[in-house]
Amino acid sequence: MGHPGRIAAAVLAAGSSSRFEDGPKQLASFRGRPLVAVAVEAALAAGVFDVVFVVGGAVDLSAIVPPEALLLENPDWADGQATSLTVAVRAAAVGGFDALVVGLGDQPFVGPEDWRAVAVSEATEPIVAASYEGRRGNPVRLARQVWPDLPASGDEGARRLMAARPELVAEVACPGDAVDIDTREDLDRWS
């Protein structure tokens, strides 16, 4: 693929937080900021994206998404994470982007440098994934050519395609951490 061309980012944050006991985790306070805002601000701070999309659905995120980001609604959020990825890919396609870098709204230790490393990687493979101490994680850069091959339903986004077609995937070492916040205990532990 070489240079990725015009790149958009997407922060997926549409779920219902079923394992989080105290209301929607997207709005939970993480070090004084709503959890999803931390993720969105990291993508924005990377400074390499033409646009940052935030995909929401189960929870109204309009009050916490920074004005520089574009909030997209996923009416099918209950059908799994792949539906949120589909919303983001559709928006990137309509916007004429060449690649989409996708991250999650519940990973507060994925910082701007991680988003930037994945986005501007010189890897020629159409999928570039962050790697944290040898463990593959998010964000993941998806070139336009693989968008039609992504799942449209279920709770896996690009992971299914990456497992089925490993020759399409490159990894880039990142300094952050892909820890995700799924429960109140996770939030307490990492805050």
N, C-alpha and C. Protein backbone atom coordinates (compact mmCIF):
# COMPACT_ATOMS: atom_id res chain seq x y z
N MET A 1 0.82 -1.20 0.00
CA MET A 1 0.00 0.00 0.00
C MET A 1 0.86 1.25 0.00
N GLY A 2 2.01 1.24 0.67
CA GLY A 2 2.83 2.43 0.73
C GLY A 2 2.17 3.51 1.55
N HIS A 3 2.34 4.76 1.15
CA HIS A 3 1.71 5.86 1.88
C HIS A 3 0.20 5.71 1.83
N PRO A 4 -0.46 5.83 2.99
CA PRO A 4 -1.90 5.54 3.03
C PRO A 4 -2.80 6.58 2.38
N GLY A 5 -2.32 7.74 1.97
CA GLY A 5 -3.20 8.73 1.34
C GLY A 5 -4.05 9.45 2.37
N ARG A 6 -5.29 9.75 2.00
CA ARG A 6 -6.21 10.44 2.93
C ARG A 6 -6.71 9.45 3.98
N ILE A 7 -6.54 9.81 5.23
CA ILE A 7 -6.87 8.88 6.32
C ILE A 7 -7.90 9.49 7.26
N ALA A 8 -8.87 8.67 7.61
CA ALA A 8 -9.84 9.02 8.65
C ALA A 8 -9.60 8.09 9.84
N ALA A 9 -10.06 8.51 10.99
CA ALA A 9 -10.01 7.66 12.18
C ALA A 9 -11.44 7.42 12.64
N ALA A 10 -11.64 6.31 13.34
CA ALA A 10 -12.95 6.02 13.92
C ALA A 10 -12.74 5.45 15.32
N VAL A 11 -13.46 6.01 16.27
CA VAL A 11 -13.49 5.50 17.63
C VAL A 11 -14.85 4.83 17.79
N LEU A 12 -14.83 3.52 18.01
CA LEU A 12 -16.08 2.77 18.16
C LEU A 12 -16.51 2.79 19.62
N ALA A 13 -17.71 3.31 19.87
CA ALA A 13 -18.19 3.47 21.25
C ALA A 13 -19.71 3.32 21.32
N ALA A 14 -20.25 2.37 20.57
CA ALA A 14 -21.71 2.28 20.45
C ALA A 14 -22.36 1.27 21.38
N GLY A 15 -21.59 0.46 22.07
CA GLY A 15 -22.16 -0.64 22.86
C GLY A 15 -22.94 -0.21 24.08
N SER A 16 -23.57 -1.20 24.69
CA SER A 16 -24.42 -0.94 25.85
C SER A 16 -23.69 -1.13 27.18
N SER A 17 -22.42 -1.50 27.14
CA SER A 17 -21.63 -1.66 28.37
C SER A 17 -22.25 -2.69 29.30
N SER A 18 -22.65 -3.82 28.76
CA SER A 18 -23.40 -4.81 29.54
C SER A 18 -22.63 -5.34 30.75
N ARG A 19 -21.30 -5.34 30.71
CA ARG A 19 -20.52 -5.83 31.86
C ARG A 19 -20.18 -4.73 32.85
N PHE A 20 -20.53 -3.50 32.52
CA PHE A 20 -20.22 -2.37 33.38
C PHE A 20 -21.45 -2.10 34.24
N GLU A 21 -21.31 -2.26 35.54
CA GLU A 21 -22.46 -2.27 36.45
C GLU A 21 -23.10 -0.91 36.71
N ASP A 22 -22.37 0.17 36.55
CA ASP A 22 -22.83 1.48 37.01
C ASP A 22 -23.20 2.43 35.88
N GLY A 23 -24.05 1.99 34.98
CA GLY A 23 -24.43 2.85 33.87
C GLY A 23 -23.46 2.72 32.71
N PRO A 24 -23.60 3.57 31.72
CA PRO A 24 -22.78 3.46 30.52
C PRO A 24 -21.31 3.77 30.78
N LYS A 25 -20.44 2.84 30.41
CA LYS A 25 -19.01 3.07 30.68
C LYS A 25 -18.45 4.20 29.83
N GLN A 26 -19.06 4.47 28.68
CA GLN A 26 -18.57 5.56 27.84
C GLN A 26 -18.52 6.87 28.62
N LEU A 27 -19.47 7.04 29.55
CA LEU A 27 -19.59 8.27 30.32
C LEU A 27 -18.88 8.21 31.67
N ALA A 28 -18.37 7.03 32.04
CA ALA A 28 -17.71 6.87 33.34
C ALA A 28 -16.47 7.75 33.40
N SER A 29 -16.21 8.29 34.57
CA SER A 29 -15.07 9.18 34.75
C SER A 29 -13.77 8.38 34.86
N PHE A 30 -12.84 8.69 33.97
CA PHE A 30 -11.51 8.10 33.99
C PHE A 30 -10.53 9.24 34.16
N ARG A 31 -9.94 9.32 35.33
CA ARG A 31 -8.99 10.40 35.64
C ARG A 31 -9.57 11.77 35.32
N GLY A 32 -10.85 11.93 35.67
CA GLY A 32 -11.52 13.22 35.55
C GLY A 32 -12.16 13.52 34.20
N ARG A 33 -12.10 12.58 33.25
CA ARG A 33 -12.69 12.77 31.92
C ARG A 33 -13.57 11.59 31.59
N PRO A 34 -14.65 11.80 30.82
CA PRO A 34 -15.44 10.66 30.37
C PRO A 34 -14.55 9.70 29.57
N LEU A 35 -14.68 8.41 29.82
CA LEU A 35 -13.82 7.40 29.22
C LEU A 35 -13.73 7.54 27.70
N VAL A 36 -14.86 7.69 27.04
CA VAL A 36 -14.82 7.78 25.58
C VAL A 36 -14.14 9.07 25.12
N ALA A 37 -14.26 10.14 25.89
CA ALA A 37 -13.61 11.39 25.52
C ALA A 37 -12.09 11.24 25.52
N VAL A 38 -11.56 10.45 26.44
CA VAL A 38 -10.12 10.20 26.50
C VAL A 38 -9.66 9.57 25.19
N ALA A 39 -10.40 8.58 24.71
CA ALA A 39 -10.04 7.89 23.46
C ALA A 39 -10.15 8.83 22.26
N VAL A 40 -11.22 9.58 22.20
CA VAL A 40 -11.42 10.49 21.07
C VAL A 40 -10.35 11.58 21.06
N GLU A 41 -10.03 12.12 22.22
CA GLU A 41 -9.01 13.16 22.30
C GLU A 41 -7.64 12.64 21.87
N ALA A 42 -7.35 11.38 22.16
CA ALA A 42 -6.08 10.79 21.72
C ALA A 42 -6.02 10.72 20.20
N ALA A 43 -7.12 10.29 19.58
CA ALA A 43 -7.16 10.22 18.11
C ALA A 43 -7.00 11.61 17.51
N LEU A 44 -7.69 12.59 18.07
CA LEU A 44 -7.58 13.96 17.57
C LEU A 44 -6.17 14.51 17.74
N ALA A 45 -5.56 14.21 18.88
CA ALA A 45 -4.23 14.74 19.19
C ALA A 45 -3.14 14.12 18.31
N ALA A 46 -3.44 12.99 17.66
CA ALA A 46 -2.46 12.38 16.77
C ALA A 46 -2.10 13.34 15.64
N GLY A 47 -3.04 14.17 15.24
CA GLY A 47 -2.77 15.21 14.25
C GLY A 47 -2.53 14.72 12.84
N VAL A 48 -2.98 13.53 12.50
CA VAL A 48 -2.72 12.99 11.16
C VAL A 48 -3.99 12.64 10.39
N PHE A 49 -5.14 12.85 10.99
CA PHE A 49 -6.38 12.43 10.35
C PHE A 49 -7.13 13.62 9.75
N ASP A 50 -7.73 13.39 8.60
CA ASP A 50 -8.57 14.41 7.98
C ASP A 50 -9.86 14.59 8.77
N VAL A 51 -10.34 13.52 9.37
CA VAL A 51 -11.54 13.57 10.18
C VAL A 51 -11.48 12.43 11.20
N VAL A 52 -12.06 12.67 12.37
CA VAL A 52 -12.20 11.62 13.38
C VAL A 52 -13.69 11.39 13.57
N PHE A 53 -14.12 10.17 13.25
CA PHE A 53 -15.50 9.76 13.45
C PHE A 53 -15.62 9.09 14.82
N VAL A 54 -16.74 9.31 15.49
CA VAL A 54 -17.06 8.60 16.71
C VAL A 54 -18.38 7.90 16.46
N VAL A 55 -18.39 6.59 16.59
CA VAL A 55 -19.61 5.82 16.33
C VAL A 55 -20.27 5.51 17.66
N GLY A 56 -21.48 6.05 17.85
CA GLY A 56 -22.24 5.82 19.07
C GLY A 56 -23.56 5.17 18.75
N GLY A 57 -24.29 4.81 19.80
CA GLY A 57 -25.58 4.18 19.56
C GLY A 57 -26.39 3.96 20.82
N ALA A 58 -25.90 3.13 21.73
CA ALA A 58 -26.66 2.79 22.93
C ALA A 58 -26.75 3.96 23.90
N VAL A 59 -25.78 4.85 23.85
CA VAL A 59 -25.67 5.97 24.79
C VAL A 59 -25.54 7.27 24.00
N ASP A 60 -26.20 8.32 24.46
CA ASP A 60 -26.08 9.62 23.81
C ASP A 60 -24.72 10.22 24.15
N LEU A 61 -23.85 10.33 23.16
CA LEU A 61 -22.50 10.86 23.36
C LEU A 61 -22.36 12.31 22.90
N SER A 62 -23.44 12.91 22.45
CA SER A 62 -23.35 14.24 21.84
C SER A 62 -22.78 15.30 22.77
N ALA A 63 -23.00 15.16 24.07
CA ALA A 63 -22.52 16.18 25.01
C ALA A 63 -21.03 16.05 25.32
N ILE A 64 -20.43 14.89 25.01
CA ILE A 64 -19.02 14.70 25.39
C ILE A 64 -18.07 14.54 24.21
N VAL A 65 -18.59 14.37 23.02
CA VAL A 65 -17.72 14.26 21.86
C VAL A 65 -17.22 15.65 21.50
N PRO A 66 -15.89 15.83 21.44
CA PRO A 66 -15.36 17.15 21.10
C PRO A 66 -15.90 17.63 19.75
N PRO A 67 -16.08 18.93 19.59
CA PRO A 67 -16.67 19.45 18.34
C PRO A 67 -15.82 19.17 17.11
N GLU A 68 -14.53 18.88 17.28
CA GLU A 68 -13.68 18.58 16.13
C GLU A 68 -13.94 17.19 15.56
N ALA A 69 -14.64 16.35 16.33
CA ALA A 69 -14.95 14.99 15.88
C ALA A 69 -16.38 14.96 15.34
N LEU A 70 -16.62 14.03 14.46
CA LEU A 70 -17.94 13.88 13.85
C LEU A 70 -18.63 12.66 14.44
N LEU A 71 -19.75 12.88 15.12
CA LEU A 71 -20.48 11.79 15.75
C LEU A 71 -21.39 11.11 14.73
N LEU A 72 -21.23 9.80 14.61
CA LEU A 72 -22.07 9.00 13.72
C LEU A 72 -22.91 8.06 14.59
N GLU A 73 -24.17 7.93 14.27
CA GLU A 73 -25.03 7.04 15.05
C GLU A 73 -25.13 5.67 14.38
N ASN A 74 -25.06 4.62 15.19
CA ASN A 74 -25.23 3.26 14.71
C ASN A 74 -26.54 2.72 15.26
N PRO A 75 -27.61 2.74 14.47
CA PRO A 75 -28.90 2.25 14.97
C PRO A 75 -28.90 0.73 15.20
N ASP A 76 -27.93 0.02 14.64
CA ASP A 76 -27.86 -1.44 14.79
C ASP A 76 -26.83 -1.88 15.81
N TRP A 77 -26.44 -1.00 16.72
CA TRP A 77 -25.38 -1.29 17.69
C TRP A 77 -25.60 -2.61 18.44
N ALA A 78 -26.84 -2.98 18.71
CA ALA A 78 -27.12 -4.19 19.48
C ALA A 78 -26.72 -5.46 18.73
N ASP A 79 -26.48 -5.35 17.41
CA ASP A 79 -26.09 -6.51 16.61
C ASP A 79 -24.58 -6.73 16.59
N GLY A 80 -23.84 -6.00 17.40
CA GLY A 80 -22.41 -6.26 17.54
C GLY A 80 -21.51 -5.17 16.99
N GLN A 81 -20.24 -5.27 17.39
CA GLN A 81 -19.24 -4.27 17.04
C GLN A 81 -19.06 -4.13 15.53
N ALA A 82 -19.24 -5.21 14.79
CA ALA A 82 -19.05 -5.14 13.34
C ALA A 82 -20.01 -4.13 12.70
N THR A 83 -21.18 -3.93 13.30
CA THR A 83 -22.11 -2.95 12.74
C THR A 83 -21.58 -1.53 12.90
N SER A 84 -20.87 -1.27 13.99
CA SER A 84 -20.25 0.05 14.19
C SER A 84 -19.11 0.25 13.20
N LEU A 85 -18.34 -0.80 12.97
CA LEU A 85 -17.28 -0.72 11.97
C LEU A 85 -17.88 -0.44 10.59
N THR A 86 -19.01 -1.06 10.29
CA THR A 86 -19.68 -0.83 9.01
C THR A 86 -20.09 0.63 8.86
N VAL A 87 -20.62 1.23 9.92
CA VAL A 87 -21.01 2.65 9.89
C VAL A 87 -19.78 3.52 9.59
N ALA A 88 -18.67 3.23 10.27
CA ALA A 88 -17.45 4.02 10.07
C ALA A 88 -16.89 3.84 8.66
N VAL A 89 -16.88 2.61 8.17
CA VAL A 89 -16.38 2.34 6.82
C VAL A 89 -17.24 3.04 5.78
N ARG A 90 -18.55 3.00 5.97
CA ARG A 90 -19.46 3.67 5.03
C ARG A 90 -19.17 5.17 4.99
N ALA A 91 -18.96 5.78 6.16
CA ALA A 91 -18.66 7.21 6.22
C ALA A 91 -17.32 7.50 5.54
N ALA A 92 -16.33 6.65 5.75
CA ALA A 92 -15.03 6.84 5.13
C ALA A 92 -15.12 6.69 3.62
N ALA A 93 -15.93 5.75 3.16
CA ALA A 93 -16.11 5.55 1.72
C ALA A 93 -16.77 6.78 1.09
N VAL A 94 -17.84 7.27 1.72
CA VAL A 94 -18.54 8.45 1.22
C VAL A 94 -17.60 9.66 1.21
N GLY A 95 -16.72 9.74 2.21
CA GLY A 95 -15.79 10.86 2.30
C GLY A 95 -14.60 10.74 1.36
N GLY A 96 -14.48 9.62 0.66
CA GLY A 96 -13.39 9.45 -0.30
C GLY A 96 -12.04 9.16 0.34
N PHE A 97 -12.04 8.58 1.53
CA PHE A 97 -10.78 8.28 2.22
C PHE A 97 -10.15 7.02 1.66
N ASP A 98 -8.82 6.94 1.80
CA ASP A 98 -8.06 5.79 1.32
C ASP A 98 -7.86 4.74 2.40
N ALA A 99 -7.92 5.17 3.65
CA ALA A 99 -7.72 4.25 4.78
C ALA A 99 -8.50 4.77 5.98
N LEU A 100 -8.83 3.84 6.85
CA LEU A 100 -9.55 4.15 8.09
C LEU A 100 -8.78 3.50 9.22
N VAL A 101 -8.43 4.29 10.23
CA VAL A 101 -7.76 3.77 11.42
C VAL A 101 -8.82 3.66 12.51
N VAL A 102 -9.00 2.45 13.03
CA VAL A 102 -10.10 2.16 13.94
C VAL A 102 -9.56 1.82 15.33
N GLY A 103 -10.14 2.49 16.33
CA GLY A 103 -9.81 2.20 17.72
C GLY A 103 -11.09 2.09 18.52
N LEU A 104 -10.93 1.78 19.80
CA LEU A 104 -12.08 1.57 20.67
C LEU A 104 -12.19 2.66 21.72
N GLY A 105 -13.41 2.95 22.12
CA GLY A 105 -13.67 4.01 23.08
C GLY A 105 -13.41 3.64 24.52
N ASP A 106 -12.98 2.39 24.76
CA ASP A 106 -12.75 1.97 26.15
C ASP A 106 -11.29 1.58 26.40
N GLN A 107 -10.37 2.15 25.61
CA GLN A 107 -8.95 1.87 25.78
C GLN A 107 -8.19 3.17 26.04
N PRO A 108 -8.22 3.63 27.30
CA PRO A 108 -7.67 4.96 27.62
C PRO A 108 -6.16 5.08 27.54
N PHE A 109 -5.43 3.97 27.45
CA PHE A 109 -3.97 4.04 27.40
C PHE A 109 -3.42 3.95 25.98
N VAL A 110 -4.32 3.96 25.00
CA VAL A 110 -3.91 4.07 23.61
C VAL A 110 -3.82 5.56 23.33
N GLY A 111 -2.59 6.04 23.21
CA GLY A 111 -2.38 7.48 23.12
C GLY A 111 -2.21 7.98 21.70
N PRO A 112 -2.03 9.30 21.56
CA PRO A 112 -1.85 9.90 20.25
C PRO A 112 -0.70 9.28 19.45
N GLU A 113 0.39 8.95 20.14
CA GLU A 113 1.54 8.37 19.44
C GLU A 113 1.20 6.99 18.86
N ASP A 114 0.31 6.25 19.50
CA ASP A 114 -0.11 4.94 18.98
C ASP A 114 -0.97 5.13 17.73
N TRP A 115 -1.93 6.03 17.80
CA TRP A 115 -2.76 6.35 16.64
C TRP A 115 -1.89 6.79 15.46
N ARG A 116 -0.92 7.68 15.77
CA ARG A 116 -0.05 8.22 14.72
C ARG A 116 0.83 7.12 14.11
N ALA A 117 1.42 6.27 14.95
CA ALA A 117 2.30 5.20 14.45
C ALA A 117 1.58 4.28 13.48
N VAL A 118 0.36 3.91 13.81
CA VAL A 118 -0.42 3.03 12.94
C VAL A 118 -0.82 3.77 11.67
N ALA A 119 -1.25 5.00 11.82
CA ALA A 119 -1.73 5.77 10.66
C ALA A 119 -0.65 6.00 9.63
N VAL A 120 0.55 6.36 10.05
CA VAL A 120 1.58 6.76 9.10
C VAL A 120 2.62 5.67 8.84
N SER A 121 2.38 4.47 9.35
CA SER A 121 3.30 3.37 9.10
C SER A 121 3.55 3.21 7.60
N GLU A 122 4.78 2.93 7.26
CA GLU A 122 5.15 2.71 5.86
C GLU A 122 4.90 1.27 5.41
N ALA A 123 4.31 0.46 6.28
CA ALA A 123 4.01 -0.93 5.91
C ALA A 123 3.17 -0.96 4.64
N THR A 124 3.44 -1.91 3.79
CA THR A 124 2.72 -1.99 2.51
C THR A 124 1.49 -2.89 2.58
N GLU A 125 1.33 -3.62 3.68
CA GLU A 125 0.15 -4.46 3.82
C GLU A 125 -1.09 -3.60 3.99
N PRO A 126 -2.26 -4.08 3.53
CA PRO A 126 -3.47 -3.28 3.61
C PRO A 126 -4.06 -3.16 5.02
N ILE A 127 -3.58 -3.98 5.94
CA ILE A 127 -4.02 -3.89 7.34
C ILE A 127 -2.77 -3.70 8.20
N VAL A 128 -2.79 -2.67 9.04
CA VAL A 128 -1.68 -2.42 9.95
C VAL A 128 -2.26 -2.32 11.36
N ALA A 129 -1.75 -3.19 12.24
CA ALA A 129 -2.26 -3.24 13.61
C ALA A 129 -1.20 -2.77 14.59
N ALA A 130 -1.63 -2.10 15.64
CA ALA A 130 -0.74 -1.74 16.73
C ALA A 130 -0.30 -3.01 17.44
N SER A 131 0.90 -2.97 17.98
CA SER A 131 1.41 -4.09 18.77
C SER A 131 2.01 -3.51 20.05
N TYR A 132 1.59 -4.07 21.18
CA TYR A 132 2.05 -3.60 22.48
C TYR A 132 2.81 -4.75 23.14
N GLU A 133 4.12 -4.59 23.23
CA GLU A 133 4.99 -5.62 23.80
C GLU A 133 4.69 -6.98 23.17
N GLY A 134 4.55 -6.99 21.85
CA GLY A 134 4.33 -8.24 21.12
C GLY A 134 2.90 -8.71 21.03
N ARG A 135 1.97 -8.00 21.66
CA ARG A 135 0.55 -8.38 21.60
C ARG A 135 -0.19 -7.43 20.68
N ARG A 136 -0.86 -8.01 19.70
CA ARG A 136 -1.61 -7.21 18.73
C ARG A 136 -2.82 -6.56 19.39
N GLY A 137 -3.07 -5.31 19.01
CA GLY A 137 -4.21 -4.60 19.58
C GLY A 137 -4.71 -3.52 18.63
N ASN A 138 -5.37 -2.54 19.19
CA ASN A 138 -5.91 -1.41 18.45
C ASN A 138 -5.05 -0.19 18.71
N PRO A 139 -5.06 0.76 17.81
CA PRO A 139 -5.88 0.87 16.61
C PRO A 139 -5.34 0.01 15.46
N VAL A 140 -6.19 -0.11 14.45
CA VAL A 140 -5.87 -0.89 13.26
C VAL A 140 -6.18 -0.03 12.03
N ARG A 141 -5.21 0.05 11.11
CA ARG A 141 -5.42 0.78 9.86
C ARG A 141 -5.93 -0.19 8.80
N LEU A 142 -7.04 0.18 8.19
CA LEU A 142 -7.68 -0.65 7.18
C LEU A 142 -7.69 0.12 5.86
N ALA A 143 -6.97 -0.39 4.87
CA ALA A 143 -6.96 0.24 3.55
C ALA A 143 -8.30 -0.02 2.86
N ARG A 144 -8.67 0.90 2.01
CA ARG A 144 -9.94 0.82 1.28
C ARG A 144 -10.14 -0.56 0.63
N GLN A 145 -9.08 -1.16 0.13
CA GLN A 145 -9.22 -2.43 -0.59
C GLN A 145 -9.76 -3.57 0.27
N VAL A 146 -9.62 -3.49 1.61
CA VAL A 146 -10.14 -4.58 2.46
C VAL A 146 -11.52 -4.29 3.03
N TRP A 147 -12.03 -3.08 2.84
CA TRP A 147 -13.33 -2.73 3.42
C TRP A 147 -14.43 -3.70 3.01
N PRO A 148 -14.51 -4.13 1.74
CA PRO A 148 -15.59 -5.05 1.38
C PRO A 148 -15.50 -6.42 2.06
N ASP A 149 -14.32 -6.76 2.58
CA ASP A 149 -14.11 -8.07 3.20
C ASP A 149 -14.37 -8.08 4.70
N LEU A 150 -14.68 -6.93 5.27
CA LEU A 150 -14.92 -6.85 6.71
C LEU A 150 -16.28 -7.42 7.06
N PRO A 151 -16.41 -8.04 8.24
CA PRO A 151 -17.72 -8.58 8.63
C PRO A 151 -18.73 -7.46 8.86
N ALA A 152 -19.99 -7.74 8.56
CA ALA A 152 -21.04 -6.74 8.72
C ALA A 152 -21.87 -6.98 9.98
N SER A 153 -21.66 -8.13 10.62
CA SER A 153 -22.41 -8.43 11.84
C SER A 153 -21.51 -9.19 12.80
N GLY A 154 -21.96 -9.28 14.03
CA GLY A 154 -21.19 -10.00 15.04
C GLY A 154 -20.36 -9.06 15.89
N ASP A 155 -19.67 -9.64 16.85
CA ASP A 155 -18.94 -8.83 17.82
C ASP A 155 -17.45 -8.71 17.53
N GLU A 156 -17.03 -9.11 16.34
CA GLU A 156 -15.65 -8.92 15.94
C GLU A 156 -15.62 -7.96 14.77
N GLY A 157 -14.69 -7.03 14.81
CA GLY A 157 -14.53 -6.13 13.69
C GLY A 157 -13.57 -6.73 12.68
N ALA A 158 -12.40 -6.13 12.57
CA ALA A 158 -11.41 -6.61 11.60
C ALA A 158 -10.69 -7.88 12.05
N ARG A 159 -10.83 -8.23 13.31
CA ARG A 159 -10.10 -9.39 13.86
C ARG A 159 -10.36 -10.67 13.06
N ARG A 160 -11.60 -10.88 12.64
CA ARG A 160 -11.94 -12.08 11.88
C ARG A 160 -11.18 -12.11 10.54
N LEU A 161 -11.15 -10.97 9.85
CA LEU A 161 -10.43 -10.89 8.58
C LEU A 161 -8.93 -11.08 8.81
N MET A 162 -8.41 -10.48 9.86
CA MET A 162 -6.99 -10.59 10.16
C MET A 162 -6.59 -12.04 10.45
N ALA A 163 -7.44 -12.77 11.13
CA ALA A 163 -7.15 -14.18 11.43
C ALA A 163 -7.22 -15.04 10.18
N ALA A 164 -8.18 -14.74 9.30
CA ALA A 164 -8.36 -15.53 8.09
C ALA A 164 -7.31 -15.22 7.03
N ARG A 165 -6.79 -14.00 7.03
CA ARG A 165 -5.85 -13.56 5.98
C ARG A 165 -4.61 -12.91 6.60
N PRO A 166 -3.81 -13.65 7.35
CA PRO A 166 -2.66 -13.05 8.04
C PRO A 166 -1.65 -12.38 7.11
N GLU A 167 -1.62 -12.79 5.84
CA GLU A 167 -0.68 -12.18 4.89
C GLU A 167 -1.02 -10.73 4.58
N LEU A 168 -2.23 -10.30 4.95
CA LEU A 168 -2.66 -8.91 4.72
C LEU A 168 -2.24 -7.97 5.84
N VAL A 169 -1.68 -8.53 6.92
CA VAL A 169 -1.49 -7.77 8.16
C VAL A 169 -0.02 -7.50 8.47
N ALA A 170 0.26 -6.26 8.82
CA ALA A 170 1.56 -5.86 9.37
C ALA A 170 1.29 -5.33 10.78
N GLU A 171 2.32 -5.39 11.61
CA GLU A 171 2.21 -4.84 12.96
C GLU A 171 3.23 -3.73 13.13
N VAL A 172 2.87 -2.75 13.93
CA VAL A 172 3.78 -1.66 14.25
C VAL A 172 3.85 -1.56 15.78
N ALA A 173 5.07 -1.56 16.30
CA ALA A 173 5.26 -1.47 17.74
C ALA A 173 4.81 -0.10 18.24
N CYS A 174 4.03 -0.11 19.32
CA CYS A 174 3.49 1.13 19.89
C CYS A 174 3.83 1.19 21.38
N PRO A 175 4.01 2.40 21.91
CA PRO A 175 4.40 2.54 23.31
C PRO A 175 3.25 2.46 24.32
N GLY A 176 2.01 2.58 23.87
CA GLY A 176 0.87 2.62 24.79
C GLY A 176 0.53 1.25 25.35
N ASP A 177 -0.73 1.08 25.70
CA ASP A 177 -1.22 -0.17 26.27
C ASP A 177 -2.66 -0.36 25.83
N ALA A 178 -2.98 -1.56 25.36
CA ALA A 178 -4.32 -1.84 24.84
C ALA A 178 -5.29 -2.33 25.90
N VAL A 179 -5.00 -2.07 27.17
CA VAL A 179 -5.93 -2.45 28.23
C VAL A 179 -7.28 -1.82 27.95
N ASP A 180 -8.34 -2.62 28.06
CA ASP A 180 -9.67 -2.03 27.89
C ASP A 180 -10.43 -2.10 29.21
N ILE A 181 -11.33 -1.16 29.35
CA ILE A 181 -12.13 -1.02 30.56
C ILE A 181 -13.50 -1.65 30.27
N ASP A 182 -13.76 -2.81 30.87
CA ASP A 182 -15.03 -3.49 30.65
C ASP A 182 -15.93 -3.48 31.89
N THR A 183 -15.32 -3.40 33.07
CA THR A 183 -16.09 -3.50 34.31
C THR A 183 -15.73 -2.34 35.24
N ARG A 184 -16.53 -2.16 36.27
CA ARG A 184 -16.23 -1.15 37.29
C ARG A 184 -14.88 -1.47 37.94
N GLU A 185 -14.58 -2.76 38.14
CA GLU A 185 -13.30 -3.16 38.73
C GLU A 185 -12.14 -2.72 37.84
N ASP A 186 -12.29 -2.87 36.52
CA ASP A 186 -11.26 -2.40 35.59
C ASP A 186 -11.04 -0.90 35.76
N LEU A 187 -12.13 -0.16 35.82
CA LEU A 187 -12.04 1.29 35.94
C LEU A 187 -11.33 1.67 37.23
N ASP A 188 -11.73 1.03 38.33
CA ASP A 188 -11.10 1.33 39.62
C ASP A 188 -9.61 0.97 39.61
N ARG A 189 -9.30 -0.16 38.99
CA ARG A 189 -7.90 -0.62 38.95
C ARG A 189 -7.01 0.33 38.17
N TRP A 190 -7.50 0.84 37.05
CA TRP A 190 -6.66 1.62 36.15
C TRP A 190 -6.78 3.13 36.35
N SER A 191 -7.77 3.58 37.10
CA SER A 191 -7.90 5.02 37.36
C SER A 191 -6.91 5.41 38.42
